[in-house]
Amino acid sequence: MKDIEFLGWKLVHEDFLELLFKFAIDLAVVYVLIRLIYYPIHKKKDFLFTYFLFNILIFFLCGLMNSVKLSMGFGFGLFAIFSILRYRTEQISIKDMTYLLAVIAIAVVNALLSKKVSLAELLFTNVVILLATYVLEHLWLTRHEAMRLVSYDKLELIQSNRREELMADLGKRLGIKVSRVEIGKIDMLRDLAQLRVFYFEDEQDLRTFSDIAPDGDD
């Protein structure tokens, strides 16, 4: 069938179905990674938007550029640039950055796939990434460090040299043994700071904690 064109462009290219197929695989893999593995543990809704959109943007960027025969080196250059990207509005933990790296890697792997690679190899690569992440989160690292979001009003304790006092005060208020604290956004007008309070579930009385969960808990 003769190709239909508009202003010299093909309306449908022969590689369009291949792009859709690879995108379906990519989206399914990143959904399992972020929505089913990452989110149930870390409970960070803002990162759901970031991870999914990063994956989609990089997938189509690499996929469409690959379709015009750009080199694989260019694709891995993009991978390197985005993998070291840092946000200046909020600190990102090492584990969150690792998930961002995984999201980018999945997009690059699926987008730059050529027909020289078998479907079995593609599926195997994606499954290994998911299995490795799941095993590390749920099986190997058996002690589960949970996290709660807290709005905190003692700004004088968020200084780096008063971290022990901060953890002690949070532990007293929440009735838990705090393992570590991450400081997020600070509202100077309301004298409030958004904190991520981490604790090991096997050390806590969760019934007591849930009864006194503070405002701002997500």
Protein backbone atom coordinates (compact mmCIF):
# COMPACT_ATOMS: atom_id res chain seq x y z
CA MET A 1 0.00 0.00 0.00
CA LYS A 2 1.32 3.39 -0.94
CA ASP A 3 2.37 5.54 2.00
CA ILE A 4 0.08 8.48 2.79
CA GLU A 5 1.97 11.71 3.19
CA PHE A 6 1.19 15.22 4.45
CA LEU A 7 3.55 18.07 3.56
CA GLY A 8 6.15 15.48 2.67
CA TRP A 9 5.84 13.63 5.99
CA LYS A 10 4.55 10.09 6.30
CA LEU A 11 1.42 9.97 8.46
CA VAL A 12 2.31 6.49 9.71
CA HIS A 13 5.83 5.12 9.60
CA GLU A 14 6.52 1.41 9.40
CA ASP A 15 8.32 1.59 12.77
CA PHE A 16 5.31 3.06 14.59
CA LEU A 17 4.00 -0.29 15.83
CA GLU A 18 7.47 -1.20 17.04
CA LEU A 19 7.61 2.05 19.02
CA LEU A 20 4.21 1.34 20.58
CA PHE A 21 5.26 -2.18 21.52
CA LYS A 22 8.48 -1.02 23.18
CA PHE A 23 6.64 1.76 24.99
CA ALA A 24 4.07 -0.70 26.34
CA ILE A 25 6.87 -2.86 27.76
CA ASP A 26 8.66 0.17 29.20
CA LEU A 27 5.51 1.53 30.86
CA ALA A 28 4.60 -1.85 32.34
CA VAL A 29 8.08 -2.33 33.81
CA VAL A 30 8.31 1.16 35.31
CA TYR A 31 4.78 0.81 36.75
CA VAL A 32 5.77 -2.36 38.59
CA LEU A 33 9.04 -0.78 39.77
CA ILE A 34 7.60 2.49 41.04
CA ARG A 35 3.96 1.83 41.91
CA LEU A 36 4.21 -1.73 43.22
CA ILE A 37 7.75 -1.89 44.66
CA TYR A 38 8.84 1.67 45.50
CA TYR A 39 5.67 3.43 46.65
CA PRO A 40 4.30 0.87 49.17
CA ILE A 41 7.54 1.22 51.14
CA HIS A 42 8.56 4.86 50.76
CA LYS A 43 5.14 6.57 50.43
CA LYS A 44 6.46 9.59 48.52
CA LYS A 45 3.68 10.71 46.20
CA ASP A 46 5.66 13.58 44.67
CA PHE A 47 8.25 11.17 43.31
CA LEU A 48 5.57 9.14 41.50
CA PHE A 49 5.07 12.08 39.13
CA THR A 50 8.83 12.60 38.77
CA TYR A 51 9.72 8.98 38.07
CA PHE A 52 6.94 8.27 35.59
CA LEU A 53 7.44 11.51 33.65
CA PHE A 54 11.22 11.12 33.58
CA ASN A 55 10.84 7.63 32.19
CA ILE A 56 8.34 8.66 29.51
CA LEU A 57 10.30 11.73 28.42
CA ILE A 58 13.61 9.88 28.15
CA PHE A 59 11.99 6.91 26.41
CA PHE A 60 10.56 9.06 23.62
CA LEU A 61 13.63 11.27 23.43
CA CYS A 62 15.89 8.26 22.93
CA GLY A 63 13.37 6.33 20.83
CA LEU A 64 12.66 9.10 18.32
CA MET A 65 16.29 10.14 18.06
CA ASN A 66 17.29 6.53 17.54
CA SER A 67 14.81 6.33 14.68
CA VAL A 68 16.81 8.97 12.80
CA LYS A 69 19.98 6.87 13.19
CA LEU A 70 21.72 8.80 15.93
CA SER A 71 24.51 6.89 17.62
CA MET A 72 24.17 4.75 20.73
CA GLY A 73 26.85 6.95 22.26
CA PHE A 74 24.48 9.90 22.13
CA GLY A 75 21.84 7.92 23.99
CA PHE A 76 24.26 6.93 26.73
CA GLY A 77 25.40 10.54 26.93
CA LEU A 78 21.81 11.51 27.76
CA PHE A 79 21.71 8.68 30.27
CA ALA A 80 24.80 10.05 32.02
CA ILE A 81 23.50 13.61 32.08
CA PHE A 82 20.10 12.78 33.53
CA SER A 83 21.50 10.23 35.99
CA ILE A 84 23.47 12.93 37.84
CA LEU A 85 20.67 15.51 37.79
CA ARG A 86 20.00 17.05 41.21
CA TYR A 87 16.95 19.02 42.33
CA ARG A 88 17.73 22.19 44.28
CA THR A 89 14.32 22.61 45.91
CA GLU A 90 14.67 19.54 48.13
CA GLN A 91 17.27 17.01 49.17
CA ILE A 92 17.03 13.62 47.49
CA SER A 93 18.20 10.55 49.34
CA ILE A 94 20.67 8.08 47.85
CA LYS A 95 17.95 5.44 47.51
CA ASP A 96 15.60 7.87 45.70
CA MET A 97 18.43 8.78 43.33
CA THR A 98 19.03 5.08 42.73
CA TYR A 99 15.39 4.62 41.75
CA LEU A 100 15.72 7.63 39.43
CA LEU A 101 18.76 5.98 37.85
CA ALA A 102 16.78 2.75 37.42
CA VAL A 103 13.88 4.60 35.79
CA ILE A 104 16.26 6.26 33.34
CA ALA A 105 18.05 2.99 32.61
CA ILE A 106 14.77 1.20 31.85
CA ALA A 107 13.76 3.96 29.44
CA VAL A 108 17.11 3.92 27.62
CA VAL A 109 17.27 0.12 27.40
CA ASN A 110 13.76 -0.22 25.98
CA ALA A 111 13.92 2.81 23.68
CA LEU A 112 17.27 1.98 22.06
CA LEU A 113 16.49 -1.69 21.54
CA SER A 114 17.30 -2.88 18.05
CA LYS A 115 16.12 -5.95 16.18
CA LYS A 116 19.55 -7.46 16.70
CA VAL A 117 18.44 -8.13 20.29
CA SER A 118 15.86 -10.86 20.81
CA LEU A 119 12.58 -10.32 22.63
CA ALA A 120 13.69 -12.89 25.20
CA GLU A 121 16.80 -10.82 26.00
CA LEU A 122 14.70 -7.68 26.39
CA LEU A 123 12.21 -9.33 28.73
CA PHE A 124 15.01 -10.99 30.70
CA THR A 125 16.75 -7.63 31.25
CA ASN A 126 13.59 -5.94 32.48
CA VAL A 127 12.61 -8.84 34.73
CA VAL A 128 16.09 -8.97 36.30
CA ILE A 129 15.89 -5.25 37.17
CA LEU A 130 12.50 -5.74 38.83
CA LEU A 131 13.53 -8.91 40.67
CA ALA A 132 16.78 -7.39 41.93
CA THR A 133 14.95 -4.34 43.24
CA TYR A 134 12.26 -6.43 44.92
CA VAL A 135 14.75 -8.80 46.54
CA LEU A 136 16.88 -5.94 47.87
CA GLU A 137 13.86 -4.08 49.26
CA HIS A 138 11.84 -6.97 50.70
CA LEU A 139 13.99 -10.04 51.21
CA TRP A 140 17.68 -9.28 51.56
CA LEU A 141 17.29 -6.04 53.53
CA THR A 142 14.98 -7.71 56.03
CA ARG A 143 14.75 -4.80 58.44
CA HIS A 144 12.16 -2.50 56.97
CA GLU A 145 12.82 1.17 57.63
CA ALA A 146 9.47 2.93 57.42
CA MET A 147 8.93 6.66 56.95
CA ARG A 148 6.35 9.17 58.13
CA LEU A 149 5.88 12.81 57.09
CA VAL A 150 5.68 15.25 59.99
CA SER A 151 5.06 19.01 60.25
CA TYR A 152 7.49 20.17 62.94
CA ASP A 153 7.37 23.47 64.84
CA LYS A 154 10.70 23.65 66.68
CA LEU A 155 12.87 25.14 63.96
CA GLU A 156 15.76 25.75 66.36
CA LEU A 157 16.30 21.97 66.58
CA ILE A 158 16.72 21.39 62.85
CA GLN A 159 20.28 22.73 62.90
CA SER A 160 22.87 20.10 62.04
CA ASN A 161 24.61 20.36 65.43
CA ARG A 162 21.34 19.62 67.30
CA ARG A 163 20.32 16.49 65.41
CA GLU A 164 20.37 14.30 68.53
CA GLU A 165 18.03 16.70 70.34
CA LEU A 166 15.73 16.73 67.32
CA MET A 167 15.53 12.93 67.18
CA ALA A 168 14.93 12.75 70.94
CA ASP A 169 12.11 15.29 70.76
CA LEU A 170 10.48 13.52 67.82
CA GLY A 171 10.78 10.18 69.58
CA LYS A 172 9.11 11.60 72.70
CA ARG A 173 6.28 13.20 70.73
CA LEU A 174 5.60 10.27 68.43
CA GLY A 175 6.29 7.47 70.88
CA ILE A 176 8.78 5.75 68.59
CA LYS A 177 12.50 5.10 68.37
CA VAL A 178 13.68 7.34 65.52
CA SER A 179 16.49 5.98 63.38
CA ARG A 180 17.11 9.09 61.28
CA VAL A 181 15.48 12.32 60.09
CA GLU A 182 15.52 14.13 56.74
CA ILE A 183 14.63 17.82 56.60
CA GLY A 184 12.44 18.93 53.69
CA LYS A 185 10.72 22.24 53.04
CA ILE A 186 10.92 24.98 55.69
CA ASP A 187 8.07 27.51 56.02
CA MET A 188 9.58 30.50 57.85
CA LEU A 189 6.26 32.38 57.88
CA ARG A 190 4.47 29.60 59.78
CA ASP A 191 7.56 28.40 61.67
CA LEU A 192 7.09 24.87 60.36
CA ALA A 193 9.42 22.37 58.74
CA GLN A 194 8.45 19.25 56.80
CA LEU A 195 10.41 16.30 58.15
CA ARG A 196 10.73 12.71 57.04
CA VAL A 197 11.00 10.61 60.17
CA PHE A 198 12.45 7.12 59.67
CA TYR A 199 12.08 4.20 62.05
CA PHE A 200 12.44 0.43 62.03
CA GLU A 201 9.07 -1.25 62.30
CA ASP A 202 10.39 -4.18 64.32
CA GLU A 203 11.43 -1.78 67.10
CA GLN A 204 8.11 0.06 67.43
CA ASP A 205 4.74 -0.24 69.08
CA LEU A 206 2.83 0.57 65.87
CA ARG A 207 -0.54 0.71 67.66
CA THR A 208 0.76 3.49 69.92
CA PHE A 209 2.32 5.32 66.98
CA SER A 210 -0.83 5.24 64.86
CA ASP A 211 -2.86 6.67 67.75
CA ILE A 212 -0.67 9.76 67.99
CA ALA A 213 0.26 10.32 64.33
CA PRO A 214 0.81 14.11 63.90
CA ASP A 215 -0.75 16.51 61.46
CA GLY A 216 0.87 16.43 58.05
CA ASP A 217 1.10 12.66 58.03
CA ASP A 218 0.63 11.45 54.49
